[in-house]
PDB file of N, CA and C in Angstrom:
ATOM      1  N   MET A   1     -50.974  63.694 -18.296  1.00  0.00           N
ATOM      2  CA  MET A   1     -49.449  62.307 -17.947  1.00  0.00           C
ATOM      3  C   MET A   1     -50.635  61.468 -17.625  1.00  0.00           C
ATOM      4  N   ASN A   2     -50.529  59.862 -18.102  1.00  0.00           N
ATOM      5  CA  ASN A   2     -51.006  59.092 -18.102  1.00  0.00           C
ATOM      6  C   ASN A   2     -50.751  58.171 -16.786  1.00  0.00           C
ATOM      7  N   ALA A   3     -51.013  57.305 -15.444  1.00  0.00           N
ATOM      8  CA  ALA A   3     -49.849  56.849 -14.760  1.00  0.00           C
ATOM      9  C   ALA A   3     -50.621  55.365 -14.961  1.00  0.00           C
ATOM     10  N   THR A   4     -49.965  54.181 -15.220  1.00  0.00           N
ATOM     11  CA  THR A   4     -50.595  52.792 -14.412  1.00  0.00           C
ATOM     12  C   THR A   4     -49.467  51.996 -14.321  1.00  0.00           C
ATOM     13  N   CYS A   5     -49.986  50.815 -12.773  1.00  0.00           N
ATOM     14  CA  CYS A   5     -49.052  49.877 -12.442  1.00  0.00           C
ATOM     15  C   CYS A   5     -48.796  48.790 -12.848  1.00  0.00           C
ATOM     16  N   VAL A   6     -48.490  48.275 -13.536  1.00  0.00           N
ATOM     17  CA  VAL A   6     -48.751  46.940 -14.491  1.00  0.00           C
ATOM     18  C   VAL A   6     -47.322  45.455 -14.224  1.00  0.00           C
ATOM     19  N   ARG A   7     -47.991  44.622 -14.145  1.00  0.00           N
ATOM     20  CA  ARG A   7     -46.998  43.577 -13.144  1.00  0.00           C
ATOM     21  C   ARG A   7     -46.406  43.152 -14.418  1.00  0.00           C
ATOM     22  N   PRO A   8     -44.604  42.734 -13.794  1.00  0.00           N
ATOM     23  CA  PRO A   8     -43.793  42.570 -15.304  1.00  0.00           C
ATOM     24  C   PRO A   8     -44.418  41.375 -16.357  1.00  0.00           C
ATOM     25  N   GLY A   9     -44.074  40.629 -17.277  1.00  0.00           N
ATOM     26  CA  GLY A   9     -44.219  39.355 -18.478  1.00  0.00           C
ATOM     27  C   GLY A   9     -44.787  39.904 -19.707  1.00  0.00           C
ATOM     28  N   PRO A  10     -45.091  39.000 -20.164  1.00  0.00           N
ATOM     29  CA  PRO A  10     -45.707  39.075 -21.663  1.00  0.00           C
ATOM     30  C   PRO A  10     -47.461  40.171 -21.427  1.00  0.00           C
ATOM     31  N   PRO A  11     -48.193  39.690 -20.860  1.00  0.00           N
ATOM     32  CA  PRO A  11     -49.267  40.656 -21.115  1.00  0.00           C
ATOM     33  C   PRO A  11     -48.840  42.012 -20.965  1.00  0.00           C
ATOM     34  N   SER A  12     -47.870  42.254 -19.269  1.00  0.00           N
ATOM     35  CA  SER A  12     -47.232  43.998 -19.472  1.00  0.00           C
ATOM     36  C   SER A  12     -47.105  43.510 -21.407  1.00  0.00           C
ATOM     37  N   LEU A  13     -46.529  43.848 -21.328  1.00  0.00           N
ATOM     38  CA  LEU A  13     -45.683  44.105 -22.638  1.00  0.00           C
ATOM     39  C   LEU A  13     -46.560  44.585 -23.923  1.00  0.00           C
ATOM     40  N   ALA A  14     -47.469  43.413 -23.934  1.00  0.00           N
ATOM     41  CA  ALA A  14     -49.008  43.478 -24.942  1.00  0.00           C
ATOM     42  C   ALA A  14     -48.808  44.539 -24.488  1.00  0.00           C
ATOM     43  N   TRP A  15     -49.667  45.029 -23.356  1.00  0.00           N
ATOM     44  CA  TRP A  15     -50.316  46.606 -22.999  1.00  0.00           C
ATOM     45  C   TRP A  15     -49.649  47.846 -23.139  1.00  0.00           C
ATOM     46  N   LEU A  16     -48.133  47.444 -23.141  1.00  0.00           N
ATOM     47  CA  LEU A  16     -47.715  48.654 -23.599  1.00  0.00           C
ATOM     48  C   LEU A  16     -47.468  49.100 -24.826  1.00  0.00           C
ATOM     49  N   ARG A  17     -47.325  47.642 -25.549  1.00  0.00           N
ATOM     50  CA  ARG A  17     -47.422  48.194 -27.143  1.00  0.00           C
ATOM     51  C   ARG A  17     -48.596  48.751 -27.757  1.00  0.00           C
ATOM     52  N   ALA A  18     -50.105  48.441 -27.357  1.00  0.00           N
ATOM     53  CA  ALA A  18     -51.123  48.659 -27.580  1.00  0.00           C
ATOM     54  C   ALA A  18     -50.899  49.630 -27.021  1.00  0.00           C
ATOM     55  N   LYS A  19     -50.737  50.550 -25.786  1.00  0.00           N
ATOM     56  CA  LYS A  19     -50.537  51.821 -25.041  1.00  0.00           C
ATOM     57  C   LYS A  19     -50.348  53.001 -26.004  1.00  0.00           C
ATOM     58  N   ILE A  20     -49.114  52.636 -26.152  1.00  0.00           N
ATOM     59  CA  ILE A  20     -48.132  53.684 -27.073  1.00  0.00           C
ATOM     60  C   ILE A  20     -49.108  53.647 -28.173  1.00  0.00           C
ATOM     61  N   ILE A  21     -49.086  52.768 -28.980  1.00  0.00           N
ATOM     62  CA  ILE A  21     -50.456  53.016 -30.245  1.00  0.00           C
ATOM     63  C   ILE A  21     -51.322  54.108 -30.143  1.00  0.00           C
ATOM     64  N   GLU A  22     -52.375  54.081 -29.566  1.00  0.00           N
ATOM     65  CA  GLU A  22     -52.525  54.297 -28.989  1.00  0.00           C
ATOM     66  C   GLU A  22     -52.784  56.200 -28.157  1.00  0.00           C
ATOM     67  N   LEU A  23     -51.924  55.887 -27.640  1.00  0.00           N
ATOM     68  CA  LEU A  23     -52.000  57.269 -27.452  1.00  0.00           C
ATOM     69  C   LEU A  23     -50.838  58.328 -28.872  1.00  0.00           C
ATOM     70  N   LYS A  24     -50.172  57.062 -29.343  1.00  0.00           N
ATOM     71  CA  LYS A  24     -49.176  58.027 -30.214  1.00  0.00           C
ATOM     72  C   LYS A  24     -51.160  58.731 -31.750  1.00  0.00           C
ATOM     73  N   GLY A  25     -51.673  57.414 -31.599  1.00  0.00           N
ATOM     74  CA  GLY A  25     -52.269  57.803 -32.441  1.00  0.00           C
ATOM     75  C   GLY A  25     -52.368  58.013 -34.052  1.00  0.00           C
ATOM     76  N   LYS A  26     -52.784  59.304 -34.729  1.00  0.00           N
ATOM     77  CA  LYS A  26     -52.441  58.943 -36.121  1.00  0.00           C
ATOM     78  C   LYS A  26     -50.633  59.346 -36.863  1.00  0.00           C
ATOM     79  N   ASP A  27     -50.063  60.387 -35.062  1.00  0.00           N
ATOM     80  CA  ASP A  27     -49.299  60.451 -35.950  1.00  0.00           C
ATOM     81  C   ASP A  27     -47.545  59.461 -35.453  1.00  0.00           C
ATOM     82  N   PRO A  28     -47.402  58.775 -35.433  1.00  0.00           N
ATOM     83  CA  PRO A  28     -46.409  57.931 -35.093  1.00  0.00           C
ATOM     84  C   PRO A  28     -44.983  58.594 -34.784  1.00  0.00           C
ATOM     85  N   LEU A  29     -44.787  59.555 -35.231  1.00  0.00           N
ATOM     86  CA  LEU A  29     -43.125  59.788 -34.243  1.00  0.00           C
ATOM     87  C   LEU A  29     -43.675  60.586 -33.170  1.00  0.00           C
ATOM     88  N   THR A  30     -45.136  60.866 -32.426  1.00  0.00           N
ATOM     89  CA  THR A  30     -45.478  61.727 -31.711  1.00  0.00           C
ATOM     90  C   THR A  30     -44.529  61.154 -30.722  1.00  0.00           C
ATOM     91  N   PRO A  31     -43.894  62.228 -29.227  1.00  0.00           N
ATOM     92  CA  PRO A  31     -42.970  61.544 -28.451  1.00  0.00           C
ATOM     93  C   PRO A  31     -43.942  61.233 -27.212  1.00  0.00           C
ATOM     94  N   ILE A  32     -43.119  60.114 -26.453  1.00  0.00           N
ATOM     95  CA  ILE A  32     -43.941  59.334 -25.911  1.00  0.00           C
ATOM     96  C   ILE A  32     -42.659  58.709 -24.596  1.00  0.00           C
ATOM     97  N   THR A  33     -42.819  59.189 -23.256  1.00  0.00           N
ATOM     98  CA  THR A  33     -42.045  58.784 -21.853  1.00  0.00           C
ATOM     99  C   THR A  33     -42.735  57.810 -21.459  1.00  0.00           C
ATOM    100  N   VAL A  34     -41.709  56.796 -21.117  1.00  0.00           N
ATOM    101  CA  VAL A  34     -42.226  55.678 -19.927  1.00  0.00           C
ATOM    102  C   VAL A  34     -41.344  55.640 -18.737  1.00  0.00           C
ATOM    103  N   VAL A  35     -42.003  55.515 -17.505  1.00  0.00           N
ATOM    104  CA  VAL A  35     -41.099  55.433 -16.286  1.00  0.00           C
ATOM    105  C   VAL A  35     -41.153  54.334 -16.244  1.00  0.00           C
ATOM    106  N   VAL A  36     -39.747  53.733 -16.087  1.00  0.00           N
ATOM    107  CA  VAL A  36     -39.509  52.561 -15.868  1.00  0.00           C
ATOM    108  C   VAL A  36     -38.759  52.287 -14.631  1.00  0.00           C
ATOM    109  N   SER A  37     -38.814  51.228 -13.478  1.00  0.00           N
ATOM    110  CA  SER A  37     -38.590  51.091 -12.338  1.00  0.00           C
ATOM    111  C   SER A  37     -36.481  50.560 -12.329  1.00  0.00           C
ATOM    112  N   SER A  38     -35.970  50.701 -13.335  1.00  0.00           N
ATOM    113  CA  SER A  38     -34.750  50.743 -13.792  1.00  0.00           C
ATOM    114  C   SER A  38     -33.740  50.437 -14.607  1.00  0.00           C
ATOM    115  N   ASN A  39     -32.336  51.058 -15.661  1.00  0.00           N
ATOM    116  CA  ASN A  39     -32.393  51.429 -16.884  1.00  0.00           C
ATOM    117  C   ASN A  39     -31.797  50.011 -16.629  1.00  0.00           C
ATOM    118  N   HIS A  40     -32.031  48.640 -16.285  1.00  0.00           N
ATOM    119  CA  HIS A  40     -32.039  47.604 -16.985  1.00  0.00           C
ATOM    120  C   HIS A  40     -33.191  47.223 -17.560  1.00  0.00           C
ATOM    121  N   VAL A  41     -34.528  47.862 -16.664  1.00  0.00           N
ATOM    122  CA  VAL A  41     -36.223  47.227 -17.735  1.00  0.00           C
ATOM    123  C   VAL A  41     -36.352  48.157 -18.641  1.00  0.00           C
ATOM    124  N   GLY A  42     -35.535  49.218 -18.516  1.00  0.00           N
ATOM    125  CA  GLY A  42     -35.809  50.014 -19.682  1.00  0.00           C
ATOM    126  C   GLY A  42     -35.193  49.482 -21.333  1.00  0.00           C
ATOM    127  N   LEU A  43     -34.199  49.087 -20.510  1.00  0.00           N
ATOM    128  CA  LEU A  43     -33.194  48.980 -22.001  1.00  0.00           C
ATOM    129  C   LEU A  43     -33.966  47.323 -22.530  1.00  0.00           C
ATOM    130  N   ALA A  44     -34.064  46.551 -21.273  1.00  0.00           N
ATOM    131  CA  ALA A  44     -35.058  45.409 -21.349  1.00  0.00           C
ATOM    132  C   ALA A  44     -36.310  45.626 -22.281  1.00  0.00           C
ATOM    133  N   ILE A  45     -37.349  46.962 -22.084  1.00  0.00           N
ATOM    134  CA  ILE A  45     -38.057  46.334 -22.963  1.00  0.00           C
ATOM    135  C   ILE A  45     -38.578  47.315 -24.038  1.00  0.00           C
ATOM    136  N   ARG A  46     -37.034  48.723 -24.595  1.00  0.00           N
ATOM    137  CA  ARG A  46     -37.138  48.520 -25.380  1.00  0.00           C
ATOM    138  C   ARG A  46     -36.472  48.228 -26.478  1.00  0.00           C
ATOM    139  N   ARG A  47     -35.871  47.381 -26.058  1.00  0.00           N
ATOM    140  CA  ARG A  47     -34.765  45.892 -27.265  1.00  0.00           C
ATOM    141  C   ARG A  47     -36.429  45.014 -27.322  1.00  0.00           C
ATOM    142  N   THR A  48     -36.822  44.924 -26.066  1.00  0.00           N
ATOM    143  CA  THR A  48     -38.219  43.888 -27.131  1.00  0.00           C
ATOM    144  C   THR A  48     -39.066  44.573 -27.552  1.00  0.00           C
ATOM    145  N   LEU A  49     -39.654  45.811 -28.105  1.00  0.00           N
ATOM    146  CA  LEU A  49     -40.598  47.075 -28.588  1.00  0.00           C
ATOM    147  C   LEU A  49     -39.545  46.836 -29.552  1.00  0.00           C
ATOM    148  N   ALA A  50     -38.243  47.485 -29.566  1.00  0.00           N
ATOM    149  CA  ALA A  50     -37.314  47.246 -31.242  1.00  0.00           C
ATOM    150  C   ALA A  50     -38.313  46.434 -32.349  1.00  0.00           C
ATOM    151  N   ARG A  51     -38.109  44.672 -31.673  1.00  0.00           N
ATOM    152  CA  ARG A  51     -39.139  43.901 -32.746  1.00  0.00           C
ATOM    153  C   ARG A  51     -40.154  44.135 -33.222  1.00  0.00           C
ATOM    154  N   THR A  52     -40.660  45.223 -32.669  1.00  0.00           N
ATOM    155  CA  THR A  52     -42.106  45.088 -33.642  1.00  0.00           C
ATOM    156  C   THR A  52     -41.709  46.488 -34.552  1.00  0.00           C
ATOM    157  N   GLY A  53     -40.688  47.340 -34.116  1.00  0.00           N
ATOM    158  CA  GLY A  53     -40.686  48.695 -34.355  1.00  0.00           C
ATOM    159  C   GLY A  53     -41.793  49.751 -33.645  1.00  0.00           C
ATOM    160  N   TYR A  54     -41.260  51.089 -33.322  1.00  0.00           N
ATOM    161  CA  TYR A  54     -41.332  51.654 -32.720  1.00  0.00           C
ATOM    162  C   TYR A  54     -40.922  52.993 -32.851  1.00  0.00           C
ATOM    163  N   ALA A  55     -40.956  54.451 -32.606  1.00  0.00           N
ATOM    164  CA  ALA A  55     -39.947  55.871 -33.067  1.00  0.00           C
ATOM    165  C   ALA A  55     -41.027  56.811 -31.731  1.00  0.00           C
ATOM    166  N   ASN A  56     -39.687  57.566 -31.422  1.00  0.00           N
ATOM    167  CA  ASN A  56     -39.724  58.405 -30.328  1.00  0.00           C
ATOM    168  C   ASN A  56     -40.671  58.485 -28.628  1.00  0.00           C
ATOM    169  N   VAL A  57     -39.702  56.712 -28.034  1.00  0.00           N
ATOM    170  CA  VAL A  57     -40.762  56.832 -27.130  1.00  0.00           C
ATOM    171  C   VAL A  57     -38.710  56.590 -26.315  1.00  0.00           C
ATOM    172  N   ARG A  58     -38.975  57.381 -25.172  1.00  0.00           N
ATOM    173  CA  ARG A  58     -38.157  57.372 -23.948  1.00  0.00           C
ATOM    174  C   ARG A  58     -38.865  57.046 -22.645  1.00  0.00           C
ATOM    175  N   PHE A  59     -37.653  55.878 -22.259  1.00  0.00           N
ATOM    176  CA  PHE A  59     -37.686  55.140 -21.496  1.00  0.00           C
ATOM    177  C   PHE A  59     -36.434  55.804 -19.917  1.00  0.00           C
ATOM    178  N   GLY A  60     -37.551  55.825 -19.120  1.00  0.00           N
ATOM    179  CA  GLY A  60     -36.408  56.405 -17.634  1.00  0.00           C
ATOM    180  C   GLY A  60     -37.132  55.798 -17.096  1.00  0.00           C
ATOM    181  N   VAL A  61     -35.593  56.028 -15.658  1.00  0.00           N
ATOM    182  CA  VAL A  61     -36.111  55.643 -14.210  1.00  0.00           C
ATOM    183  C   VAL A  61     -36.582  57.548 -13.844  1.00  0.00           C
ATOM    184  N   MET A  62     -37.546  57.596 -13.132  1.00  0.00           N
ATOM    185  CA  MET A  62     -37.893  58.724 -12.048  1.00  0.00           C
ATOM    186  C   MET A  62     -37.282  59.492 -12.041  1.00  0.00           C
ATOM    187  N   GLY A  63     -36.089  59.155 -11.080  1.00  0.00           N
ATOM    188  CA  GLY A  63     -35.320  60.272 -10.421  1.00  0.00           C
ATOM    189  C   GLY A  63     -34.286  60.937 -11.671  1.00  0.00           C
ATOM    190  N   ARG A  64     -34.341  60.476 -13.127  1.00  0.00           N
ATOM    191  CA  ARG A  64     -33.913  60.582 -14.203  1.00  0.00           C
ATOM    192  C   ARG A  64     -34.513  62.134 -14.996  1.00  0.00           C
ATOM    193  N   LEU A  65     -35.855  61.387 -14.896  1.00  0.00           N
ATOM    194  CA  LEU A  65     -37.019  62.470 -15.094  1.00  0.00           C
ATOM    195  C   LEU A  65     -37.108  63.687 -14.845  1.00  0.00           C
ATOM    196  N   VAL A  66     -37.071  63.612 -13.678  1.00  0.00           N
ATOM    197  CA  VAL A  66     -37.319  64.692 -13.066  1.00  0.00           C
ATOM    198  C   VAL A  66     -35.777  66.087 -12.619  1.00  0.00           C
ATOM    199  N   GLU A  67     -34.697  65.471 -12.750  1.00  0.00           N
ATOM    200  CA  GLU A  67     -33.410  66.456 -12.991  1.00  0.00           C
ATOM    201  C   GLU A  67     -33.890  67.326 -13.683  1.00  0.00           C
ATOM    202  N   PRO A  68     -33.861  67.807 -14.882  1.00  0.00           N
ATOM    203  CA  PRO A  68     -33.791  68.459 -15.562  1.00  0.00           C
ATOM    204  C   PRO A  68     -34.912  69.957 -14.453  1.00  0.00           C
ATOM    205  N   LEU A  69     -35.378  68.996 -14.398  1.00  0.00           N
ATOM    206  CA  LEU A  69     -36.382  70.121 -13.984  1.00  0.00           C
ATOM    207  C   LEU A  69     -36.432  71.325 -12.580  1.00  0.00           C
TER     208      LEU A  69
END
């Protein structure tokens, strides 16, 4: 698990895109989970990333991600 805090805006989206590519490596279907501050932020990021294409990336707020545990 890696945790990094970034400021919102275009530079953070570019950073996230690059980090997702880095973490997926050679397998574009590797599952990735991104923790966001709210569901609205997750939706906005998901829509932005969808313009360039991505697969198997899950977005969630911390409370929702730990519920199943």
